[in-house]
Amino acid sequence: MGIWQWIEKIFGDGEDGLTEKQLIRLENFAEAVKAATAREVIHIEAQPSTDLAITDSKFGGVPYLPQGAALPTARNGKPLFMLAQINCEQLPENSIYPKKGLLQIWVAANGKYCGNQYNPYSPNTQRVIYYPTLDEATNYDDFKQVYQFEGKPLPFASTQAYRLSFNKGIDTFSYENLRFNHSLLPLWQNHFGERRDHFRLLPERVEEKLRKLLPPSPRVHRIGGYSDVEDMVEAIDNNGLPKILLLRIDTDEKVGIHCRDNDSVNFLIGKEDFEALDFSRVQHSI
C-alpha cells in the first residue's frame, strides 16, 4: 500500500476530525516518544544580585580569572564578555556537567553572540572555558579598566549580575525535535504499521495533534534537555543525534534579560566533544 493510500485508510475520515481509535494511537505513540527521549535537564532561575563570590554561578558579573591568565579576546584584541559562569559544585546531582570545576561562556560584545553563519565555531564571537580546578583568582582591579562594555549589544546590562539557582527535571522531544530525527521511525511503524523515511508530510490533523501531545519545552534558562533553535539541523550532531544543550539563556523581561527578537541564546555541543571536554566546536545560535 502506498503512503497516500495508507494516509487515507488510517486518517482519511473527512473534515470531522480524528476518530477515538486514531486519537488513542497517537496518544500512545506520543507517550512512547516521551519515554524514549527522556533527558535530564537543569532549569535555572536568575535573579539580580550584588553579593556574588568570584567563583559563584552567575550570568554576568565579575569573572573568575586565575592569576597569570589573560582575558579571552576577539580578533580585534578587545576582551570578550563573560555571559555565564557555572560552578559545577553548585549544581544539583546530575550526569550532564562535570562534578567539579568552573565552566564559563564568553561572547563578543558586538551583537554577534548569537552565531556566525560562515564560522559558527569562531573563537572571535564566543569562547567556552573550563577550569577543572580553581586557583587563586586575579584581583578584579587588575583588569577592571579594560573589562568595560557600557552600551554594547548584550542580552542584559554589562554592569548587571544574576545569582543562579537550579532545579533538576526531565525534558522530552517536542514535535519539532521529532520531525528532524530518524531514530524514532520504528516507533511509528510499531504503532501504525507503516514504514516511513521521515516524519514530514504527515496529515495536517495528525501534525496538529502531535504538536499538542509533544509541546516545546518551557521557555526558561536551562542546562541539558533539548534545544528549540529555529534551524533544527544545527541541533543535530554528525551521528544524527541531538546535541547537548550546554546552556540556554531565555528572554526574561522581569529581570532585564532580553535576547535578540525576544527569543533565546543557545549553546550546543556534540556528545563526543563534551565527553572529551573539548569546547572548540560549540554551536551558538538563536
Protein backbone atom coordinates (compact mmCIF):
# COMPACT_ATOMS: atom_id res chain seq x y z
CA MET A 1 0.00 0.00 0.00
CA GLY A 2 1.40 3.43 -0.96
CA ILE A 3 1.78 6.25 1.52
CA TRP A 4 -1.21 8.24 0.28
CA GLN A 5 -3.47 5.19 0.34
CA TRP A 6 -2.23 4.47 3.86
CA ILE A 7 -2.97 8.03 4.96
CA GLU A 8 -6.47 7.77 3.52
CA LYS A 9 -7.05 4.46 5.29
CA ILE A 10 -5.69 5.42 8.69
CA PHE A 11 -6.52 9.12 8.90
CA GLY A 12 -8.82 9.87 6.00
CA ASP A 13 -12.12 10.45 7.76
CA GLY A 14 -13.03 13.76 6.13
CA GLU A 15 -13.27 17.04 7.98
CA ASP A 16 -14.85 15.61 11.12
CA GLY A 17 -11.53 15.12 12.93
CA LEU A 18 -9.73 12.06 14.17
CA THR A 19 -11.62 9.03 15.44
CA GLU A 20 -11.26 7.81 19.00
CA LYS A 21 -9.13 4.90 17.81
CA GLN A 22 -6.82 7.22 15.91
CA LEU A 23 -6.50 9.55 18.91
CA ILE A 24 -5.58 6.64 21.17
CA ARG A 25 -2.92 5.51 18.70
CA LEU A 26 -1.43 9.00 18.54
CA GLU A 27 -1.53 9.38 22.32
CA ASN A 28 0.20 6.02 22.79
CA PHE A 29 2.78 6.97 20.16
CA ALA A 30 3.45 10.30 21.90
CA GLU A 31 3.92 8.56 25.25
CA ALA A 32 6.37 6.14 23.62
CA VAL A 33 8.31 9.10 22.18
CA LYS A 34 8.49 10.73 25.62
CA ALA A 35 9.71 7.52 27.22
CA ALA A 36 12.35 7.02 24.53
CA THR A 37 13.63 10.60 24.61
CA ALA A 38 13.57 11.45 28.33
CA ARG A 39 16.66 13.54 29.00
CA GLU A 40 17.93 15.22 32.14
CA VAL A 41 17.51 18.99 32.33
CA ILE A 42 18.51 21.60 34.89
CA HIS A 43 16.19 24.60 35.00
CA ILE A 44 17.78 27.88 36.02
CA GLU A 45 16.29 30.88 37.81
CA ALA A 46 18.26 34.12 37.50
CA GLN A 47 17.82 36.96 39.98
CA PRO A 48 19.75 40.25 40.08
CA SER A 49 22.38 40.26 42.80
CA THR A 50 25.17 42.49 44.08
CA ASP A 51 26.52 39.93 46.52
CA LEU A 52 28.24 37.22 44.49
CA ALA A 53 31.51 35.45 45.16
CA ILE A 54 34.09 35.42 42.38
CA THR A 55 33.51 31.68 41.80
CA ASP A 56 29.72 31.64 42.16
CA SER A 57 27.43 30.54 39.33
CA LYS A 58 26.12 33.67 37.61
CA PHE A 59 25.09 35.47 34.47
CA GLY A 60 27.38 38.45 34.00
CA GLY A 61 29.25 39.90 36.94
CA VAL A 62 32.94 39.69 37.74
CA PRO A 63 34.54 36.64 36.10
CA TYR A 64 36.89 34.23 37.79
CA LEU A 65 40.30 34.62 36.17
CA PRO A 66 43.23 32.58 37.52
CA GLN A 67 46.32 34.55 38.42
CA GLY A 68 48.56 34.81 35.38
CA ALA A 69 45.72 34.17 32.91
CA ALA A 70 44.68 36.71 30.29
CA LEU A 71 41.15 37.73 29.41
CA PRO A 72 39.90 35.94 26.27
CA THR A 73 39.78 38.38 23.37
CA ALA A 74 38.27 38.75 19.91
CA ARG A 75 40.28 39.25 16.72
CA ASN A 76 40.44 43.00 17.36
CA GLY A 77 42.12 42.39 20.70
CA LYS A 78 39.16 43.59 22.76
CA PRO A 79 38.04 41.39 25.67
CA LEU A 80 35.08 39.07 25.30
CA PHE A 81 32.23 39.44 27.80
CA MET A 82 31.57 36.67 30.32
CA LEU A 83 27.93 35.85 29.64
CA ALA A 84 27.68 32.96 32.10
CA GLN A 85 29.72 31.16 34.71
CA ILE A 86 28.63 27.79 36.10
CA ASN A 87 30.24 26.40 39.24
CA CYS A 88 29.71 22.66 38.80
CA GLU A 89 29.67 22.02 42.55
CA GLN A 90 26.65 24.33 42.91
CA LEU A 91 24.56 22.25 40.50
CA PRO A 92 22.17 19.55 41.72
CA GLU A 93 23.38 15.97 41.26
CA ASN A 94 23.40 15.40 37.51
CA SER A 95 25.02 13.49 34.66
CA ILE A 96 25.33 16.49 32.32
CA TYR A 97 28.15 18.70 33.61
CA PRO A 98 31.41 17.62 35.26
CA LYS A 99 31.21 17.14 39.03
CA LYS A 100 33.80 19.80 39.80
CA GLY A 101 35.29 22.87 38.23
CA LEU A 102 34.03 26.03 36.61
CA LEU A 103 32.62 26.48 33.11
CA GLN A 104 32.49 29.94 31.55
CA ILE A 105 30.84 31.15 28.35
CA TRP A 106 32.34 34.31 26.87
CA VAL A 107 30.86 36.24 23.94
CA ALA A 108 31.81 39.17 21.73
CA ALA A 109 30.00 42.36 22.74
CA ASN A 110 29.13 43.22 19.15
CA GLY A 111 25.69 41.68 18.68
CA LYS A 112 27.15 38.53 17.11
CA TYR A 113 26.98 36.45 20.28
CA CYS A 114 24.16 34.50 18.66
CA GLY A 115 26.20 32.99 15.87
CA ASN A 116 28.11 33.45 12.64
CA GLN A 117 26.72 31.80 9.51
CA TYR A 118 30.19 31.48 7.97
CA ASN A 119 32.02 30.16 11.02
CA PRO A 120 29.61 29.14 13.80
CA TYR A 121 32.52 27.96 15.97
CA SER A 122 34.55 31.17 15.63
CA PRO A 123 36.58 31.96 18.78
CA ASN A 124 36.18 35.61 17.81
CA THR A 125 32.48 35.57 18.67
CA GLN A 126 32.39 33.12 21.57
CA ARG A 127 34.66 31.08 23.80
CA VAL A 128 33.88 28.33 26.30
CA ILE A 129 36.49 27.82 29.00
CA TYR A 130 36.50 25.04 31.56
CA TYR A 131 38.67 25.17 34.68
CA PRO A 132 38.79 21.69 36.28
CA THR A 133 40.35 23.14 39.43
CA LEU A 134 40.23 26.62 40.93
CA ASP A 135 43.35 28.50 41.93
CA GLU A 136 43.82 31.94 43.42
CA ALA A 137 41.90 34.49 41.35
CA THR A 138 43.24 37.60 39.70
CA ASN A 139 42.12 40.73 41.53
CA TYR A 140 39.32 42.44 39.59
CA ASP A 141 41.09 45.79 39.94
CA ASP A 142 43.89 44.39 37.78
CA PHE A 143 41.66 44.15 34.68
CA LYS A 144 38.69 46.37 35.55
CA GLN A 145 39.80 49.22 33.26
CA VAL A 146 39.81 47.07 30.11
CA TYR A 147 36.77 44.98 31.06
CA GLN A 148 34.18 47.63 30.12
CA PHE A 149 31.11 47.05 27.90
CA GLU A 150 28.82 50.00 28.58
CA GLY A 151 26.22 50.39 25.82
CA LYS A 152 27.25 47.23 23.98
CA PRO A 153 24.56 44.93 22.46
CA LEU A 154 24.30 42.18 25.08
CA PRO A 155 21.30 40.24 26.46
CA PHE A 156 21.48 42.27 29.69
CA ALA A 157 23.30 45.32 31.03
CA SER A 158 27.03 44.69 31.28
CA THR A 159 27.02 46.07 34.83
CA GLN A 160 24.28 43.67 35.96
CA ALA A 161 24.97 40.31 37.61
CA TYR A 162 22.49 37.50 38.29
CA ARG A 163 22.56 34.88 41.00
CA LEU A 164 21.57 31.45 39.66
CA SER A 165 19.50 28.78 41.40
CA PHE A 166 18.97 25.34 39.90
CA ASN A 167 16.24 22.69 39.80
CA LYS A 168 16.55 19.32 38.09
CA GLY A 169 13.86 17.88 35.84
CA ILE A 170 13.19 15.77 32.74
CA ASP A 171 12.82 17.04 29.18
CA THR A 172 11.42 15.11 26.20
CA PHE A 173 11.13 15.57 22.45
CA SER A 174 8.81 18.21 21.09
CA TYR A 175 7.12 17.69 17.75
CA GLU A 176 9.77 19.88 16.11
CA ASN A 177 12.51 17.68 17.56
CA LEU A 178 10.68 14.63 16.23
CA ARG A 179 10.43 15.99 12.68
CA PHE A 180 14.22 16.08 12.30
CA ASN A 181 15.01 12.76 13.97
CA HIS A 182 15.02 9.42 12.15
CA SER A 183 15.90 7.17 15.07
CA LEU A 184 12.26 7.05 16.24
CA LEU A 185 10.77 5.95 12.93
CA PRO A 186 10.48 2.33 14.18
CA LEU A 187 8.15 3.60 16.92
CA TRP A 188 5.81 4.94 14.27
CA GLN A 189 5.88 1.64 12.44
CA ASN A 190 5.14 -0.23 15.68
CA HIS A 191 2.09 1.91 16.40
CA PHE A 192 0.72 2.43 12.89
CA GLY A 193 2.14 -0.41 10.81
CA GLU A 194 3.59 1.96 8.21
CA ARG A 195 7.24 2.29 7.34
CA ARG A 196 8.36 5.90 6.83
CA ASP A 197 11.58 7.60 5.77
CA HIS A 198 10.87 10.75 7.82
CA PHE A 199 8.18 12.43 9.93
CA ARG A 200 7.38 15.17 7.43
CA LEU A 201 4.28 15.23 5.20
CA LEU A 202 2.00 13.81 7.89
CA PRO A 203 -1.69 14.68 7.51
CA GLU A 204 -2.40 18.17 8.84
CA ARG A 205 -4.74 16.96 11.60
CA VAL A 206 -2.12 14.46 12.75
CA GLU A 207 0.54 17.18 12.88
CA GLU A 208 -1.77 19.46 14.86
CA LYS A 209 -2.49 16.72 17.39
CA LEU A 210 1.18 15.77 17.74
CA ARG A 211 2.10 19.41 18.33
CA LYS A 212 -0.29 19.37 21.29
CA LEU A 213 0.89 15.98 22.56
CA LEU A 214 4.58 16.87 22.15
CA PRO A 215 4.79 20.59 23.02
CA PRO A 216 8.02 22.62 23.13
CA SER A 217 9.97 22.78 26.37
CA PRO A 218 9.12 25.64 28.76
CA ARG A 219 10.81 28.93 27.94
CA VAL A 220 13.26 29.07 30.82
CA HIS A 221 17.01 29.26 31.22
CA ARG A 222 18.37 25.74 31.32
CA ILE A 223 21.21 23.28 31.00
CA GLY A 224 20.59 20.00 29.19
CA GLY A 225 17.32 18.81 27.76
CA TYR A 226 16.58 19.72 24.15
CA SER A 227 17.04 22.97 22.28
CA ASP A 228 14.39 24.53 20.09
CA VAL A 229 16.58 26.65 17.83
CA GLU A 230 14.90 27.74 14.60
CA ASP A 231 17.27 25.77 12.39
CA MET A 232 16.88 22.31 13.89
CA VAL A 233 19.66 21.00 11.64
CA GLU A 234 22.08 22.97 13.83
CA ALA A 235 20.93 20.97 16.85
CA ILE A 236 21.92 17.58 15.36
CA ASP A 237 25.45 16.16 15.53
CA ASN A 238 27.29 14.20 12.83
CA ASN A 239 25.69 10.96 14.07
CA GLY A 240 22.16 12.34 13.67
CA LEU A 241 21.71 12.69 17.44
CA PRO A 242 20.58 15.83 19.28
CA LYS A 243 23.49 17.90 20.55
CA ILE A 244 23.86 18.58 24.26
CA LEU A 245 22.40 21.90 25.34
CA LEU A 246 25.34 23.40 27.20
CA LEU A 247 23.28 26.43 28.17
CA ARG A 248 20.17 28.30 27.11
CA ILE A 249 19.51 31.86 28.23
CA ASP A 250 15.94 32.96 27.61
CA THR A 251 14.38 36.38 27.44
CA ASP A 252 13.07 37.40 30.88
CA GLU A 253 11.89 40.99 30.79
CA LYS A 254 11.05 40.95 34.51
CA VAL A 255 14.74 40.93 35.41
CA GLY A 256 16.12 42.78 32.40
CA ILE A 257 17.27 39.87 30.22
CA HIS A 258 16.37 40.46 26.58
CA CYS A 259 17.75 38.21 23.84
CA ARG A 260 17.51 39.26 20.22
CA ASP A 261 14.00 39.08 18.72
CA ASN A 262 12.62 38.27 22.18
CA ASP A 263 13.99 34.76 21.81
CA SER A 264 16.90 32.92 23.43
CA VAL A 265 20.61 32.26 23.14
CA ASN A 266 21.56 28.58 22.84
CA PHE A 267 24.97 26.95 23.16
CA LEU A 268 25.13 23.41 21.77
CA ILE A 269 27.90 20.83 21.77
CA GLY A 270 28.27 17.34 20.32
CA LYS A 271 28.28 14.48 22.81
CA GLU A 272 31.76 13.26 21.88
CA ASP A 273 33.23 16.75 22.20
CA PHE A 274 31.57 17.27 25.57
CA GLU A 275 32.77 13.93 26.94
CA ALA A 276 36.31 14.91 25.89
CA LEU A 277 35.79 18.40 27.42
CA ASP A 278 36.66 19.82 24.01
CA PHE A 279 34.83 23.15 23.75
CA SER A 280 36.39 24.30 20.48
CA ARG A 281 33.25 23.45 18.47
CA VAL A 282 30.39 24.86 20.50
CA GLN A 283 27.46 25.87 18.29
CA HIS A 284 25.91 29.16 19.38
CA SER A 285 22.62 30.17 17.88
CA ILE A 286 19.22 31.67 18.48
